[in-house]
Amino acid sequence: MILLELFLSFLQIGAFSFGGGYAAMPLIQAQVVTKYHWLSMAEFTDLITISQMTPGPIAVNSATFVGIKIAGIPGALIATLGCILPS
């Protein structure tokens, strides 16, 4: 169930975030912090920092970070797949 929630959340983020990584941040915050409470606001701030420091798109790095925190390697793969599938 958690893997399905991860997939659908990041599928929605990937499908509706137009304008680059910074435009996706409010959508990611709404899903990850507000709706599912997977991360606290402090952890979300760390997420932004880590996503900026690592190579690649911010949304994909965020999906990988949240996925691995919530469900380990399978969660990282599912969340990342959900994020990149719409594009």
C-alpha atoms as a PDB file:
ATOM      1  CA  MET A   1       0.000   0.000   0.000  1.00  0.00           C
ATOM      2  CA  ILE A   2       2.794   2.447   0.855  1.00  0.00           C
ATOM      3  CA  LEU A   3       4.511   1.733  -2.474  1.00  0.00           C
ATOM      4  CA  LEU A   4       1.305   2.497  -4.336  1.00  0.00           C
ATOM      5  CA  GLU A   5       0.898   5.767  -2.409  1.00  0.00           C
ATOM      6  CA  LEU A   6       4.505   6.709  -3.209  1.00  0.00           C
ATOM      7  CA  PHE A   7       4.025   5.905  -6.879  1.00  0.00           C
ATOM      8  CA  LEU A   8       0.757   7.804  -7.236  1.00  0.00           C
ATOM      9  CA  SER A   9       2.017  10.827  -5.286  1.00  0.00           C
ATOM     10  CA  PHE A  10       5.116  11.242  -7.412  1.00  0.00           C
ATOM     11  CA  LEU A  11       3.209  10.408 -10.592  1.00  0.00           C
ATOM     12  CA  GLN A  12       0.962  13.364  -9.776  1.00  0.00           C
ATOM     13  CA  ILE A  13       4.000  15.551  -9.073  1.00  0.00           C
ATOM     14  CA  GLY A  14       5.646  14.516 -12.338  1.00  0.00           C
ATOM     15  CA  ALA A  15       2.479  15.111 -14.332  1.00  0.00           C
ATOM     16  CA  PHE A  16       1.508  18.497 -12.914  1.00  0.00           C
ATOM     17  CA  SER A  17       4.790  20.274 -12.171  1.00  0.00           C
ATOM     18  CA  PHE A  18       5.435  22.677 -15.022  1.00  0.00           C
ATOM     19  CA  GLY A  19       8.294  25.152 -14.914  1.00  0.00           C
ATOM     20  CA  GLY A  20      11.173  23.144 -13.502  1.00  0.00           C
ATOM     21  CA  GLY A  21      12.255  21.896 -10.110  1.00  0.00           C
ATOM     22  CA  TYR A  22      11.427  24.972  -8.096  1.00  0.00           C
ATOM     23  CA  ALA A  23       7.886  24.919  -9.456  1.00  0.00           C
ATOM     24  CA  ALA A  24       7.578  21.311  -8.230  1.00  0.00           C
ATOM     25  CA  MET A  25       8.601  22.112  -4.644  1.00  0.00           C
ATOM     26  CA  PRO A  26       5.149  23.299  -3.477  1.00  0.00           C
ATOM     27  CA  LEU A  27       3.578  20.167  -4.977  1.00  0.00           C
ATOM     28  CA  ILE A  28       6.145  17.935  -3.294  1.00  0.00           C
ATOM     29  CA  GLN A  29       5.620  19.742   0.003  1.00  0.00           C
ATOM     30  CA  ALA A  30       1.846  19.348  -0.261  1.00  0.00           C
ATOM     31  CA  GLN A  31       2.141  15.597  -0.849  1.00  0.00           C
ATOM     32  CA  VAL A  32       5.058  14.688   1.388  1.00  0.00           C
ATOM     33  CA  VAL A  33       4.628  17.034   4.367  1.00  0.00           C
ATOM     34  CA  THR A  34       0.973  18.042   4.437  1.00  0.00           C
ATOM     35  CA  LYS A  35      -1.005  15.124   2.998  1.00  0.00           C
ATOM     36  CA  TYR A  36       0.936  11.990   4.009  1.00  0.00           C
ATOM     37  CA  HIS A  37       3.196  13.350   6.786  1.00  0.00           C
ATOM     38  CA  TRP A  38       6.135  11.320   5.477  1.00  0.00           C
ATOM     39  CA  LEU A  39       8.538  14.160   6.358  1.00  0.00           C
ATOM     40  CA  SER A  40       8.518  16.983   8.860  1.00  0.00           C
ATOM     41  CA  MET A  41       9.118  20.552   7.691  1.00  0.00           C
ATOM     42  CA  ALA A  42      12.736  20.341   8.926  1.00  0.00           C
ATOM     43  CA  GLU A  43      13.273  17.132   6.955  1.00  0.00           C
ATOM     44  CA  PHE A  44      11.694  18.783   3.910  1.00  0.00           C
ATOM     45  CA  THR A  45      14.224  21.604   4.179  1.00  0.00           C
ATOM     46  CA  ASP A  46      16.978  18.970   4.247  1.00  0.00           C
ATOM     47  CA  LEU A  47      15.345  17.353   1.219  1.00  0.00           C
ATOM     48  CA  ILE A  48      15.624  20.597  -0.754  1.00  0.00           C
ATOM     49  CA  THR A  49      19.272  20.992   0.247  1.00  0.00           C
ATOM     50  CA  ILE A  50      20.206  17.422  -0.663  1.00  0.00           C
ATOM     51  CA  SER A  51      18.264  17.608  -3.939  1.00  0.00           C
ATOM     52  CA  GLN A  52      20.195  20.740  -4.899  1.00  0.00           C
ATOM     53  CA  MET A  53      23.585  19.266  -3.986  1.00  0.00           C
ATOM     54  CA  THR A  54      23.211  16.031  -5.958  1.00  0.00           C
ATOM     55  CA  PRO A  55      23.319  15.933  -9.754  1.00  0.00           C
ATOM     56  CA  GLY A  56      20.031  15.602 -11.576  1.00  0.00           C
ATOM     57  CA  PRO A  57      16.580  17.157 -11.518  1.00  0.00           C
ATOM     58  CA  ILE A  58      15.267  18.318  -8.144  1.00  0.00           C
ATOM     59  CA  ALA A  59      11.977  16.412  -8.439  1.00  0.00           C
ATOM     60  CA  VAL A  60      13.713  13.121  -9.267  1.00  0.00           C
ATOM     61  CA  ASN A  61      16.224  13.544  -6.449  1.00  0.00           C
ATOM     62  CA  SER A  62      13.362  14.368  -4.082  1.00  0.00           C
ATOM     63  CA  ALA A  63      11.445  11.273  -5.151  1.00  0.00           C
ATOM     64  CA  THR A  64      14.482   9.096  -4.559  1.00  0.00           C
ATOM     65  CA  PHE A  65      15.151  10.666  -1.145  1.00  0.00           C
ATOM     66  CA  VAL A  66      11.557  10.312   0.062  1.00  0.00           C
ATOM     67  CA  GLY A  67      11.198   6.815  -1.375  1.00  0.00           C
ATOM     68  CA  ILE A  68      14.317   5.496   0.339  1.00  0.00           C
ATOM     69  CA  LYS A  69      13.311   7.084   3.652  1.00  0.00           C
ATOM     70  CA  ILE A  70       9.795   5.651   3.548  1.00  0.00           C
ATOM     71  CA  ALA A  71      10.257   2.201   1.970  1.00  0.00           C
ATOM     72  CA  GLY A  72      13.955   1.581   1.330  1.00  0.00           C
ATOM     73  CA  ILE A  73      15.322   0.701  -2.111  1.00  0.00           C
ATOM     74  CA  PRO A  74      11.959  -0.478  -3.520  1.00  0.00           C
ATOM     75  CA  GLY A  75      10.397   2.795  -2.377  1.00  0.00           C
ATOM     76  CA  ALA A  76      13.155   4.817  -4.053  1.00  0.00           C
ATOM     77  CA  LEU A  77      12.675   2.938  -7.325  1.00  0.00           C
ATOM     78  CA  ILE A  78       8.877   3.224  -7.276  1.00  0.00           C
ATOM     79  CA  ALA A  79       8.839   6.935  -6.335  1.00  0.00           C
ATOM     80  CA  THR A  80      11.461   7.765  -8.965  1.00  0.00           C
ATOM     81  CA  LEU A  81       9.587   5.782 -11.612  1.00  0.00           C
ATOM     82  CA  GLY A  82       6.378   7.622 -10.734  1.00  0.00           C
ATOM     83  CA  CYS A  83       8.135  10.969 -11.048  1.00  0.00           C
ATOM     84  CA  ILE A  84       9.734  10.329 -14.455  1.00  0.00           C
ATOM     85  CA  LEU A  85       6.958   8.295 -16.067  1.00  0.00           C
ATOM     86  CA  PRO A  86       4.761  11.243 -17.161  1.00  0.00           C
ATOM     87  CA  SER A  87       7.606  12.903 -19.014  1.00  0.00           C
END
